[in-house]
Amino acid sequence: MTMEAHDRERERIQRLREASDWLLTLQSAKPNEETIDEWLRWCDAHAENFNTFQRLQQGWKDLDALKPHVRALRAGSSGRRFSRKTWALAAGLGAIALTLGAFHYLPWQGEGSQPQQLAAALVNRAATLPDGSRMILGAQSRVNMNFEGHERQLDLSKGEAYFKVKHDKSRPFVVQAGEISVKAVGTAFDVRRDRDQVIITVEEGTVDVSSRAPGRKPATWRAEAGYQVTYSTKERSASIASVNASAELAWRNGELAYVREPLTSVVEDLNRYSTQKVVLDDAQVADLRFTGTAFASSVEEWATGISQIYPVDVRKTASGELILSSRK
């Protein structure tokens, strides 16, 4: 092996060890903002960092037998020697397919402050914006950005996005979601745009949520960290409630959590993330309230669980769709 190849291999192994450290750190407890920021900085440091983390995350979920070897990698800093089999197993994680719920890290590619558009397929995307703010864009979500002028303007036309805003009092950070706009200077918040509602969850700082509905007087609601604003596009009204922001934003780690959410909203989320579609056959099922978690990588198991706790039948079509209907 040449010296150059040796250096590349050593760098790859070091990156794998660091990725395993982060995987264990993020999965062992609810990560705080400081931990997430540090993880994002590590992702920023090299283009391959997040790719390695993502492949390792999928292996962690799919291959339980490899977990002791990943933990062994973490212990490597103490000088422990590893067998050829251990390294082969760890290296083999790189060949595993990406999980639907994982992040795809996207360094900013735009030119200056020109308007740009980002869209995510069946993965989440993490991006550093032109001003240094961070964004995690949910699966099948779309945002247009324009950083010209006195405001940093973003338009969420579809889906969900989390923003950690870099402080700049002279240039407010404004996210538009239909008739709703969310203004922040330096804060962390999430905007989710559903069919008939917009949900804003504030994790850090304060945001102003404004509505400019046709034929209605403009209205503004202020929300602080730990609160959530739910705006109904049908009733043109908003409610504010205290929430567990970490639980509400668990989708960033591939977990979808709900508290008394209509099944129609839950299914809408799952269908954004999963290739196996769920269809609600009638309004009675659509209106059922669901509290719990769901994973896009195990939709069929989730549907089976729904049939066990609700009067719902599940039928799988020849194409693989799951039809949920009222039990007769």
C-alpha atoms as a PDB file:
ATOM      1  CA  MET A   1       0.000   0.000   0.000  1.00  0.00           C
ATOM      2  CA  THR A   2       1.392   3.413  -0.956  1.00  0.00           C
ATOM      3  CA  MET A   3       1.800   6.142   1.650  1.00  0.00           C
ATOM      4  CA  GLU A   4      -1.054   8.073   0.051  1.00  0.00           C
ATOM      5  CA  ALA A   5      -3.367   5.055   0.142  1.00  0.00           C
ATOM      6  CA  HIS A   6      -2.345   4.376   3.728  1.00  0.00           C
ATOM      7  CA  ASP A   7      -3.241   7.950   4.728  1.00  0.00           C
ATOM      8  CA  ARG A   8      -6.622   7.654   3.006  1.00  0.00           C
ATOM      9  CA  GLU A   9      -7.361   4.398   4.820  1.00  0.00           C
ATOM     10  CA  ARG A  10      -6.334   5.863   8.161  1.00  0.00           C
ATOM     11  CA  GLU A  11      -8.576   8.889   7.521  1.00  0.00           C
ATOM     12  CA  ARG A  12     -11.479   6.599   6.589  1.00  0.00           C
ATOM     13  CA  ILE A  13     -11.094   4.579   9.785  1.00  0.00           C
ATOM     14  CA  GLN A  14     -10.882   7.721  11.892  1.00  0.00           C
ATOM     15  CA  ARG A  15     -14.016   9.105  10.247  1.00  0.00           C
ATOM     16  CA  LEU A  16     -15.823   5.816  10.896  1.00  0.00           C
ATOM     17  CA  ARG A  17     -14.805   5.940  14.565  1.00  0.00           C
ATOM     18  CA  GLU A  18     -16.027   9.550  14.876  1.00  0.00           C
ATOM     19  CA  ALA A  19     -19.304   8.672  13.137  1.00  0.00           C
ATOM     20  CA  SER A  20     -19.860   5.780  15.553  1.00  0.00           C
ATOM     21  CA  ASP A  21     -19.222   8.159  18.462  1.00  0.00           C
ATOM     22  CA  TRP A  22     -21.883  10.525  17.156  1.00  0.00           C
ATOM     23  CA  LEU A  23     -24.327   7.710  16.481  1.00  0.00           C
ATOM     24  CA  LEU A  24     -24.076   6.465  20.050  1.00  0.00           C
ATOM     25  CA  THR A  25     -24.226   9.989  21.460  1.00  0.00           C
ATOM     26  CA  LEU A  26     -27.366  10.938  19.530  1.00  0.00           C
ATOM     27  CA  GLN A  27     -29.156   7.657  20.239  1.00  0.00           C
ATOM     28  CA  SER A  28     -28.220   7.234  23.900  1.00  0.00           C
ATOM     29  CA  ALA A  29     -30.244  10.239  25.131  1.00  0.00           C
ATOM     30  CA  LYS A  30     -32.272  13.192  23.943  1.00  0.00           C
ATOM     31  CA  PRO A  31     -29.590  15.437  22.406  1.00  0.00           C
ATOM     32  CA  ASN A  32     -29.667  19.094  23.427  1.00  0.00           C
ATOM     33  CA  GLU A  33     -29.130  22.017  21.076  1.00  0.00           C
ATOM     34  CA  GLU A  34     -25.431  22.268  21.932  1.00  0.00           C
ATOM     35  CA  THR A  35     -24.909  18.630  20.984  1.00  0.00           C
ATOM     36  CA  ILE A  36     -26.824  19.012  17.725  1.00  0.00           C
ATOM     37  CA  ASP A  37     -24.838  22.142  16.844  1.00  0.00           C
ATOM     38  CA  GLU A  38     -21.584  20.307  17.494  1.00  0.00           C
ATOM     39  CA  TRP A  39     -22.780  17.401  15.338  1.00  0.00           C
ATOM     40  CA  LEU A  40     -23.659  19.789  12.500  1.00  0.00           C
ATOM     41  CA  ARG A  41     -20.221  21.394  12.745  1.00  0.00           C
ATOM     42  CA  TRP A  42     -18.682  17.940  12.421  1.00  0.00           C
ATOM     43  CA  CYS A  43     -20.852  17.347   9.346  1.00  0.00           C
ATOM     44  CA  ASP A  44     -19.603  20.648   7.935  1.00  0.00           C
ATOM     45  CA  ALA A  45     -15.952  19.788   8.478  1.00  0.00           C
ATOM     46  CA  HIS A  46     -15.732  17.306   5.582  1.00  0.00           C
ATOM     47  CA  ALA A  47     -18.082  16.266   2.792  1.00  0.00           C
ATOM     48  CA  GLU A  48     -17.697  12.558   3.702  1.00  0.00           C
ATOM     49  CA  ASN A  49     -18.473  12.966   7.415  1.00  0.00           C
ATOM     50  CA  PHE A  50     -22.227  12.888   7.091  1.00  0.00           C
ATOM     51  CA  ASN A  51     -22.213  10.220   4.376  1.00  0.00           C
ATOM     52  CA  THR A  52     -20.325   7.943   6.770  1.00  0.00           C
ATOM     53  CA  PHE A  53     -22.675   8.760   9.639  1.00  0.00           C
ATOM     54  CA  GLN A  54     -25.713   8.074   7.459  1.00  0.00           C
ATOM     55  CA  ARG A  55     -24.494   4.658   6.335  1.00  0.00           C
ATOM     56  CA  LEU A  56     -23.589   3.734   9.884  1.00  0.00           C
ATOM     57  CA  GLN A  57     -27.035   4.845  11.107  1.00  0.00           C
ATOM     58  CA  GLN A  58     -28.749   2.535   8.639  1.00  0.00           C
ATOM     59  CA  GLY A  59     -26.573  -0.365   9.695  1.00  0.00           C
ATOM     60  CA  TRP A  60     -27.397   0.360  13.333  1.00  0.00           C
ATOM     61  CA  LYS A  61     -31.114   0.136  12.600  1.00  0.00           C
ATOM     62  CA  ASP A  62     -31.007  -2.884  10.310  1.00  0.00           C
ATOM     63  CA  LEU A  63     -28.258  -5.085  11.698  1.00  0.00           C
ATOM     64  CA  ASP A  64     -28.453  -5.508  15.460  1.00  0.00           C
ATOM     65  CA  ALA A  65     -25.579  -7.958  15.343  1.00  0.00           C
ATOM     66  CA  LEU A  66     -23.186  -5.165  14.378  1.00  0.00           C
ATOM     67  CA  LYS A  67     -23.923  -2.957  17.383  1.00  0.00           C
ATOM     68  CA  PRO A  68     -21.254  -4.526  19.636  1.00  0.00           C
ATOM     69  CA  HIS A  69     -18.679  -3.914  16.909  1.00  0.00           C
ATOM     70  CA  VAL A  70     -19.709  -0.273  16.557  1.00  0.00           C
ATOM     71  CA  ARG A  71     -19.350   0.096  20.304  1.00  0.00           C
ATOM     72  CA  ALA A  72     -15.948  -1.552  20.014  1.00  0.00           C
ATOM     73  CA  LEU A  73     -14.928   1.117  17.515  1.00  0.00           C
ATOM     74  CA  ARG A  74     -15.836   3.768  20.038  1.00  0.00           C
ATOM     75  CA  ALA A  75     -13.639   2.082  22.624  1.00  0.00           C
ATOM     76  CA  GLY A  76     -10.755   2.204  20.182  1.00  0.00           C
ATOM     77  CA  SER A  77      -9.495   5.500  21.572  1.00  0.00           C
ATOM     78  CA  SER A  78      -8.251   3.574  24.618  1.00  0.00           C
ATOM     79  CA  GLY A  79      -5.765   1.711  22.454  1.00  0.00           C
ATOM     80  CA  ARG A  80      -7.676  -1.557  22.052  1.00  0.00           C
ATOM     81  CA  ARG A  81      -6.654  -3.670  19.065  1.00  0.00           C
ATOM     82  CA  PHE A  82      -9.336  -5.049  16.762  1.00  0.00           C
ATOM     83  CA  SER A  83      -9.532  -8.210  14.759  1.00  0.00           C
ATOM     84  CA  ARG A  84      -9.665  -8.202  10.975  1.00  0.00           C
ATOM     85  CA  LYS A  85     -13.275  -9.428  11.273  1.00  0.00           C
ATOM     86  CA  THR A  86     -14.268  -6.434  13.415  1.00  0.00           C
ATOM     87  CA  TRP A  87     -12.846  -3.945  10.925  1.00  0.00           C
ATOM     88  CA  ALA A  88     -14.402  -5.834   8.009  1.00  0.00           C
ATOM     89  CA  LEU A  89     -17.827  -5.689   9.677  1.00  0.00           C
ATOM     90  CA  ALA A  90     -17.446  -1.985  10.368  1.00  0.00           C
ATOM     91  CA  ALA A  91     -16.236  -1.236   6.855  1.00  0.00           C
ATOM     92  CA  GLY A  92     -19.104  -3.295   5.450  1.00  0.00           C
ATOM     93  CA  LEU A  93     -21.558  -0.787   6.851  1.00  0.00           C
ATOM     94  CA  GLY A  94     -20.546   1.532   4.034  1.00  0.00           C
ATOM     95  CA  ALA A  95     -22.306  -0.694   1.534  1.00  0.00           C
ATOM     96  CA  ILE A  96     -25.674  -0.584   3.299  1.00  0.00           C
ATOM     97  CA  ALA A  97     -28.478   1.400   1.618  1.00  0.00           C
ATOM     98  CA  LEU A  98     -29.614   4.730   3.061  1.00  0.00           C
ATOM     99  CA  THR A  99     -32.561   4.743   5.471  1.00  0.00           C
ATOM    100  CA  LEU A 100     -35.672   6.677   4.504  1.00  0.00           C
ATOM    101  CA  GLY A 101     -35.661   8.513   7.796  1.00  0.00           C
ATOM    102  CA  ALA A 102     -32.008   9.562   7.766  1.00  0.00           C
ATOM    103  CA  PHE A 103     -30.576  12.952   6.872  1.00  0.00           C
ATOM    104  CA  HIS A 104     -28.882  13.834   3.629  1.00  0.00           C
ATOM    105  CA  TYR A 105     -26.333  16.560   4.343  1.00  0.00           C
ATOM    106  CA  LEU A 106     -26.368  19.298   1.724  1.00  0.00           C
ATOM    107  CA  PRO A 107     -23.636  21.963   1.728  1.00  0.00           C
ATOM    108  CA  TRP A 108     -24.919  25.245   0.323  1.00  0.00           C
ATOM    109  CA  GLN A 109     -24.330  25.437  -3.442  1.00  0.00           C
ATOM    110  CA  GLY A 110     -25.954  28.779  -4.237  1.00  0.00           C
ATOM    111  CA  GLU A 111     -24.255  31.808  -5.714  1.00  0.00           C
ATOM    112  CA  GLY A 112     -24.278  34.743  -3.317  1.00  0.00           C
ATOM    113  CA  SER A 113     -27.795  35.851  -2.464  1.00  0.00           C
ATOM    114  CA  GLN A 114     -29.515  34.739  -5.653  1.00  0.00           C
ATOM    115  CA  PRO A 115     -32.923  33.073  -5.222  1.00  0.00           C
ATOM    116  CA  GLN A 116     -32.528  29.321  -4.787  1.00  0.00           C
ATOM    117  CA  GLN A 117     -34.757  26.300  -4.348  1.00  0.00           C
ATOM    118  CA  LEU A 118     -34.141  23.197  -2.277  1.00  0.00           C
ATOM    119  CA  ALA A 119     -36.253  20.057  -2.451  1.00  0.00           C
ATOM    120  CA  ALA A 120     -35.922  16.746  -0.616  1.00  0.00           C
ATOM    121  CA  ALA A 121     -36.900  13.330  -1.974  1.00  0.00           C
ATOM    122  CA  LEU A 122     -37.435  10.416   0.451  1.00  0.00           C
ATOM    123  CA  VAL A 123     -34.778  11.699   2.835  1.00  0.00           C
ATOM    124  CA  ASN A 124     -34.247  14.676   5.114  1.00  0.00           C
ATOM    125  CA  ARG A 125     -31.675  17.231   4.025  1.00  0.00           C
ATOM    126  CA  ALA A 126     -29.474  19.306   6.262  1.00  0.00           C
ATOM    127  CA  ALA A 127     -28.140  22.512   4.740  1.00  0.00           C
ATOM    128  CA  THR A 128     -26.068  25.510   5.717  1.00  0.00           C
ATOM    129  CA  LEU A 129     -27.718  28.632   4.270  1.00  0.00           C
ATOM    130  CA  PRO A 130     -25.829  31.601   2.748  1.00  0.00           C
ATOM    131  CA  ASP A 131     -26.010  33.602   6.004  1.00  0.00           C
ATOM    132  CA  GLY A 132     -24.705  30.729   8.143  1.00  0.00           C
ATOM    133  CA  SER A 133     -28.135  29.649   9.409  1.00  0.00           C
ATOM    134  CA  ARG A 134     -28.899  25.921   9.469  1.00  0.00           C
ATOM    135  CA  MET A 135     -31.885  24.172   7.928  1.00  0.00           C
ATOM    136  CA  ILE A 136     -33.122  20.583   8.012  1.00  0.00           C
ATOM    137  CA  LEU A 137     -35.615  20.032   5.215  1.00  0.00           C
ATOM    138  CA  GLY A 138     -38.080  17.189   5.651  1.00  0.00           C
ATOM    139  CA  ALA A 139     -38.720  14.478   3.091  1.00  0.00           C
ATOM    140  CA  GLN A 140     -40.639  15.596  -0.015  1.00  0.00           C
ATOM    141  CA  SER A 141     -40.516  19.190   1.193  1.00  0.00           C
ATOM    142  CA  ARG A 142     -39.715  22.268  -0.845  1.00  0.00           C
ATOM    143  CA  VAL A 143     -38.424  25.709   0.068  1.00  0.00           C
ATOM    144  CA  ASN A 144     -37.529  28.719  -2.062  1.00  0.00           C
ATOM    145  CA  MET A 145     -34.995  31.200  -0.701  1.00  0.00           C
ATOM    146  CA  ASN A 146     -34.120  34.785  -1.505  1.00  0.00           C
ATOM    147  CA  PHE A 147     -31.511  36.494   0.646  1.00  0.00           C
ATOM    148  CA  GLU A 148     -31.513  39.771  -1.285  1.00  0.00           C
ATOM    149  CA  GLY A 149     -32.858  42.938   0.312  1.00  0.00           C
ATOM    150  CA  HIS A 150     -33.345  43.762   3.978  1.00  0.00           C
ATOM    151  CA  GLU A 151     -34.969  40.421   4.863  1.00  0.00           C
ATOM    152  CA  ARG A 152     -33.842  36.823   4.560  1.00  0.00           C
ATOM    153  CA  GLN A 153     -36.909  35.373   2.841  1.00  0.00           C
ATOM    154  CA  LEU A 154     -37.867  31.708   2.571  1.00  0.00           C
ATOM    155  CA  ASP A 155     -41.057  30.229   1.148  1.00  0.00           C
ATOM    156  CA  LEU A 156     -42.032  26.753   2.361  1.00  0.00           C
ATOM    157  CA  SER A 157     -44.374  25.631  -0.396  1.00  0.00           C
ATOM    158  CA  LYS A 158     -44.605  22.023   0.764  1.00  0.00           C
ATOM    159  CA  GLY A 159     -43.747  19.851   3.754  1.00  0.00           C
ATOM    160  CA  GLU A 160     -41.684  20.682   6.837  1.00  0.00           C
ATOM    161  CA  ALA A 161     -38.442  22.445   7.685  1.00  0.00           C
ATOM    162  CA  TYR A 162     -36.450  23.163  10.837  1.00  0.00           C
ATOM    163  CA  PHE A 163     -34.403  26.372  11.060  1.00  0.00           C
ATOM    164  CA  LYS A 164     -31.645  27.403  13.427  1.00  0.00           C
ATOM    165  CA  VAL A 165     -31.222  31.074  12.587  1.00  0.00           C
ATOM    166  CA  LYS A 166     -27.972  32.977  12.761  1.00  0.00           C
ATOM    167  CA  HIS A 167     -28.531  36.210  14.676  1.00  0.00           C
ATOM    168  CA  ASP A 168     -28.730  39.334  12.514  1.00  0.00           C
ATOM    169  CA  LYS A 169     -31.065  41.955  13.934  1.00  0.00           C
ATOM    170  CA  SER A 170     -30.749  44.154  10.856  1.00  0.00           C
ATOM    171  CA  ARG A 171     -32.050  41.392   8.535  1.00  0.00           C
ATOM    172  CA  PRO A 172     -35.025  39.445   9.948  1.00  0.00           C
ATOM    173  CA  PHE A 173     -35.401  35.808   8.943  1.00  0.00           C
ATOM    174  CA  VAL A 174     -38.905  35.293   7.486  1.00  0.00           C
ATOM    175  CA  VAL A 175     -40.481  31.975   6.494  1.00  0.00           C
ATOM    176  CA  GLN A 176     -43.668  32.110   4.426  1.00  0.00           C
ATOM    177  CA  ALA A 177     -46.087  29.150   4.442  1.00  0.00           C
ATOM    178  CA  GLY A 178     -49.149  30.086   2.432  1.00  0.00           C
ATOM    179  CA  GLU A 179     -50.960  32.941   4.190  1.00  0.00           C
ATOM    180  CA  ILE A 180     -48.769  32.521   7.284  1.00  0.00           C
ATOM    181  CA  SER A 181     -45.395  34.191   7.818  1.00  0.00           C
ATOM    182  CA  VAL A 182     -42.979  33.428  10.663  1.00  0.00           C
ATOM    183  CA  LYS A 183     -40.430  36.093  11.587  1.00  0.00           C
ATOM    184  CA  ALA A 184     -37.322  35.501  13.708  1.00  0.00           C
ATOM    185  CA  VAL A 185     -34.024  37.261  14.271  1.00  0.00           C
ATOM    186  CA  GLY A 186     -31.962  34.580  15.976  1.00  0.00           C
ATOM    187  CA  THR A 187     -33.818  31.492  17.140  1.00  0.00           C
ATOM    188  CA  ALA A 188     -34.600  27.841  16.371  1.00  0.00           C
ATOM    189  CA  PHE A 189     -38.028  26.795  15.152  1.00  0.00           C
ATOM    190  CA  ASP A 190     -39.898  24.380  12.913  1.00  0.00           C
ATOM    191  CA  VAL A 191     -42.594  25.043  10.305  1.00  0.00           C
ATOM    192  CA  ARG A 192     -44.856  22.252   9.090  1.00  0.00           C
ATOM    193  CA  ARG A 193     -47.329  22.859   6.288  1.00  0.00           C
ATOM    194  CA  ASP A 194     -50.199  20.383   6.081  1.00  0.00           C
ATOM    195  CA  ARG A 195     -53.260  20.382   3.869  1.00  0.00           C
ATOM    196  CA  ASP A 196     -55.438  22.514   6.164  1.00  0.00           C
ATOM    197  CA  GLN A 197     -53.068  23.798   8.848  1.00  0.00           C
ATOM    198  CA  VAL A 198     -49.656  25.301   9.478  1.00  0.00           C
ATOM    199  CA  ILE A 199     -47.825  24.289  12.673  1.00  0.00           C
ATOM    200  CA  ILE A 200     -44.955  26.328  14.100  1.00  0.00           C
ATOM    201  CA  THR A 201     -42.911  24.827  16.950  1.00  0.00           C
ATOM    202  CA  VAL A 202     -40.426  27.069  18.744  1.00  0.00           C
ATOM    203  CA  GLU A 203     -37.402  25.330  20.208  1.00  0.00           C
ATOM    204  CA  GLU A 204     -35.342  28.387  21.095  1.00  0.00           C
ATOM    205  CA  GLY A 205     -35.975  32.142  21.306  1.00  0.00           C
ATOM    206  CA  THR A 206     -39.145  33.873  20.099  1.00  0.00           C
ATOM    207  CA  VAL A 207     -40.999  34.122  16.784  1.00  0.00           C
ATOM    208  CA  ASP A 208     -43.851  36.280  15.511  1.00  0.00           C
ATOM    209  CA  VAL A 209     -46.466  34.418  13.475  1.00  0.00           C
ATOM    210  CA  SER A 210     -48.611  36.582  11.189  1.00  0.00           C
ATOM    211  CA  SER A 211     -51.669  35.798   9.106  1.00  0.00           C
ATOM    212  CA  ARG A 212     -52.770  37.726   6.043  1.00  0.00           C
ATOM    213  CA  ALA A 213     -55.853  35.830   4.978  1.00  0.00           C
ATOM    214  CA  PRO A 214     -57.964  37.224   2.135  1.00  0.00           C
ATOM    215  CA  GLY A 215     -60.880  39.232   3.485  1.00  0.00           C
ATOM    216  CA  ARG A 216     -59.569  39.136   7.061  1.00  0.00           C
ATOM    217  CA  LYS A 217     -57.714  41.666   9.160  1.00  0.00           C
ATOM    218  CA  PRO A 218     -54.029  40.828   9.651  1.00  0.00           C
ATOM    219  CA  ALA A 219     -53.340  39.032  12.933  1.00  0.00           C
ATOM    220  CA  THR A 220     -50.109  38.282  14.804  1.00  0.00           C
ATOM    221  CA  TRP A 221     -49.270  35.758  17.526  1.00  0.00           C
ATOM    222  CA  ARG A 222     -46.007  35.635  19.478  1.00  0.00           C
ATOM    223  CA  ALA A 223     -44.592  32.279  20.592  1.00  0.00           C
ATOM    224  CA  GLU A 224     -41.619  31.543  22.819  1.00  0.00           C
ATOM    225  CA  ALA A 225     -39.468  28.454  23.257  1.00  0.00           C
ATOM    226  CA  GLY A 226     -41.503  25.404  24.246  1.00  0.00           C
ATOM    227  CA  TYR A 227     -44.687  26.639  22.564  1.00  0.00           C
ATOM    228  CA  GLN A 228     -46.453  25.677  19.380  1.00  0.00           C
ATOM    229  CA  VAL A 229     -48.761  27.726  17.167  1.00  0.00           C
ATOM    230  CA  THR A 230     -51.338  25.785  15.141  1.00  0.00           C
ATOM    231  CA  TYR A 231     -53.069  27.823  12.438  1.00  0.00           C
ATOM    232  CA  SER A 232     -56.162  26.451  10.700  1.00  0.00           C
ATOM    233  CA  THR A 233     -56.382  27.534   7.075  1.00  0.00           C
ATOM    234  CA  LYS A 234     -60.062  26.551   7.082  1.00  0.00           C
ATOM    235  CA  GLU A 235     -61.150  28.528  10.133  1.00  0.00           C
ATOM    236  CA  ARG A 236     -58.479  31.232   9.720  1.00  0.00           C
ATOM    237  CA  SER A 237     -57.698  31.052  13.431  1.00  0.00           C
ATOM    238  CA  ALA A 238     -54.749  30.021  15.591  1.00  0.00           C
ATOM    239  CA  SER A 239     -54.183  28.314  18.928  1.00  0.00           C
ATOM    240  CA  ILE A 240     -51.045  28.356  21.080  1.00  0.00           C
ATOM    241  CA  ALA A 241     -50.074  25.487  23.376  1.00  0.00           C
ATOM    242  CA  SER A 242     -47.120  24.428  25.495  1.00  0.00           C
ATOM    243  CA  VAL A 243     -45.351  21.375  24.018  1.00  0.00           C
ATOM    244  CA  ASN A 244     -42.306  19.197  24.443  1.00  0.00           C
ATOM    245  CA  ALA A 245     -40.248  20.655  21.600  1.00  0.00           C
ATOM    246  CA  SER A 246     -37.772  17.751  21.553  1.00  0.00           C
ATOM    247  CA  ALA A 247     -40.593  15.243  21.059  1.00  0.00           C
ATOM    248  CA  GLU A 248     -42.324  17.404  18.455  1.00  0.00           C
ATOM    249  CA  LEU A 249     -39.111  17.688  16.459  1.00  0.00           C
ATOM    250  CA  ALA A 250     -38.116  14.026  16.692  1.00  0.00           C
ATOM    251  CA  TRP A 251     -38.695  13.738  12.927  1.00  0.00           C
ATOM    252  CA  ARG A 252     -35.162  15.112  12.505  1.00  0.00           C
ATOM    253  CA  ASN A 253     -33.948  11.719  13.763  1.00  0.00           C
ATOM    254  CA  GLY A 254     -36.385   9.702  11.640  1.00  0.00           C
ATOM    255  CA  GLU A 255     -39.082   9.380  14.314  1.00  0.00           C
ATOM    256  CA  LEU A 256     -42.575  10.814  13.827  1.00  0.00           C
ATOM    257  CA  ALA A 257     -44.297  11.572  17.142  1.00  0.00           C
ATOM    258  CA  TYR A 258     -47.933  12.616  17.625  1.00  0.00           C
ATOM    259  CA  VAL A 259     -50.338  13.599  20.380  1.00  0.00           C
ATOM    260  CA  ARG A 260     -54.025  13.246  19.481  1.00  0.00           C
ATOM    261  CA  GLU A 261     -53.303  13.914  15.825  1.00  0.00           C
ATOM    262  CA  PRO A 262     -55.938  12.993  13.203  1.00  0.00           C
ATOM    263  CA  LEU A 263     -54.932   9.862  11.310  1.00  0.00           C
ATOM    264  CA  THR A 264     -55.249  11.800   8.079  1.00  0.00           C
ATOM    265  CA  SER A 265     -52.322  14.022   9.154  1.00  0.00           C
ATOM    266  CA  VAL A 266     -50.262  11.055  10.338  1.00  0.00           C
ATOM    267  CA  VAL A 267     -50.797   9.226   7.057  1.00  0.00           C
ATOM    268  CA  GLU A 268     -49.928  12.349   5.099  1.00  0.00           C
ATOM    269  CA  ASP A 269     -46.567  12.445   6.901  1.00  0.00           C
ATOM    270  CA  LEU A 270     -45.892   8.737   6.417  1.00  0.00           C
ATOM    271  CA  ASN A 271     -46.664   8.977   2.720  1.00  0.00           C
ATOM    272  CA  ARG A 272     -44.073  11.730   2.380  1.00  0.00           C
ATOM    273  CA  TYR A 273     -41.362   9.497   3.804  1.00  0.00           C
ATOM    274  CA  SER A 274     -42.279   6.008   2.685  1.00  0.00           C
ATOM    275  CA  THR A 275     -42.491   4.307  -0.691  1.00  0.00           C
ATOM    276  CA  GLN A 276     -45.252   2.057   0.711  1.00  0.00           C
ATOM    277  CA  LYS A 277     -48.354   4.211   0.634  1.00  0.00           C
ATOM    278  CA  VAL A 278     -51.215   4.219   3.114  1.00  0.00           C
ATOM    279  CA  VAL A 279     -54.767   5.014   1.971  1.00  0.00           C
ATOM    280  CA  LEU A 280     -57.633   5.973   4.300  1.00  0.00           C
ATOM    281  CA  ASP A 281     -60.792   4.456   2.914  1.00  0.00           C
ATOM    282  CA  ASP A 282     -63.363   6.592   4.760  1.00  0.00           C
ATOM    283  CA  ALA A 283     -63.819   9.748   6.805  1.00  0.00           C
ATOM    284  CA  GLN A 284     -64.404   7.852  10.069  1.00  0.00           C
ATOM    285  CA  VAL A 285     -60.903   6.440   9.938  1.00  0.00           C
ATOM    286  CA  ALA A 286     -59.398   9.751   8.831  1.00  0.00           C
ATOM    287  CA  ASP A 287     -60.827  11.513  11.900  1.00  0.00           C
ATOM    288  CA  LEU A 288     -59.505   9.019  14.467  1.00  0.00           C
ATOM    289  CA  ARG A 289     -57.002  10.585  16.875  1.00  0.00           C
ATOM    290  CA  PHE A 290     -53.583   8.982  17.159  1.00  0.00           C
ATOM    291  CA  THR A 291     -51.054   9.367  19.980  1.00  0.00           C
ATOM    292  CA  GLY A 292     -47.728   7.625  19.630  1.00  0.00           C
ATOM    293  CA  THR A 293     -44.778   7.277  17.271  1.00  0.00           C
ATOM    294  CA  ALA A 294     -44.420   6.039  13.734  1.00  0.00           C
ATOM    295  CA  PHE A 295     -41.424   5.159  11.563  1.00  0.00           C
ATOM    296  CA  ALA A 296     -41.489   5.411   7.791  1.00  0.00           C
ATOM    297  CA  SER A 297     -39.214   2.360   7.573  1.00  0.00           C
ATOM    298  CA  SER A 298     -41.885   0.156   9.211  1.00  0.00           C
ATOM    299  CA  VAL A 299     -45.230   1.383   7.882  1.00  0.00           C
ATOM    300  CA  GLU A 300     -46.771  -2.088   7.706  1.00  0.00           C
ATOM    301  CA  GLU A 301     -46.031  -2.761  11.379  1.00  0.00           C
ATOM    302  CA  TRP A 302     -47.530   0.628  12.268  1.00  0.00           C
ATOM    303  CA  ALA A 303     -50.723  -0.159  10.317  1.00  0.00           C
ATOM    304  CA  THR A 304     -51.002  -3.523  12.088  1.00  0.00           C
ATOM    305  CA  GLY A 305     -50.713  -1.749  15.417  1.00  0.00           C
ATOM    306  CA  ILE A 306     -53.458   0.689  14.402  1.00  0.00           C
ATOM    307  CA  SER A 307     -55.792  -2.232  13.628  1.00  0.00           C
ATOM    308  CA  GLN A 308     -55.186  -3.631  17.126  1.00  0.00           C
ATOM    309  CA  ILE A 309     -56.137  -0.494  19.039  1.00  0.00           C
ATOM    310  CA  TYR A 310     -58.788   1.031  16.742  1.00  0.00           C
ATOM    311  CA  PRO A 311     -61.843  -0.414  14.965  1.00  0.00           C
ATOM    312  CA  VAL A 312     -59.875  -0.432  11.724  1.00  0.00           C
ATOM    313  CA  ASP A 313     -59.205  -3.151   9.161  1.00  0.00           C
ATOM    314  CA  VAL A 314     -56.008  -3.181   7.097  1.00  0.00           C
ATOM    315  CA  ARG A 315     -55.902  -4.595   3.583  1.00  0.00           C
ATOM    316  CA  LYS A 316     -52.787  -4.843   1.441  1.00  0.00           C
ATOM    317  CA  THR A 317     -53.289  -4.476  -2.312  1.00  0.00           C
ATOM    318  CA  ALA A 318     -51.361  -6.255  -5.044  1.00  0.00           C
ATOM    319  CA  SER A 319     -49.307  -3.090  -5.561  1.00  0.00           C
ATOM    320  CA  GLY A 320     -48.353  -2.999  -1.861  1.00  0.00           C
ATOM    321  CA  GLU A 321     -50.640  -0.158  -0.745  1.00  0.00           C
ATOM    322  CA  LEU A 322     -52.166  -0.434   2.722  1.00  0.00           C
ATOM    323  CA  ILE A 323     -55.900   0.367   2.795  1.00  0.00           C
ATOM    324  CA  LEU A 324     -57.305   1.378   6.204  1.00  0.00           C
ATOM    325  CA  SER A 325     -61.081   1.126   6.503  1.00  0.00           C
ATOM    326  CA  SER A 326     -63.683   1.064   9.292  1.00  0.00           C
ATOM    327  CA  ARG A 327     -64.221  -2.370  10.779  1.00  0.00           C
ATOM    328  CA  LYS A 328     -67.691  -3.647   9.983  1.00  0.00           C
END
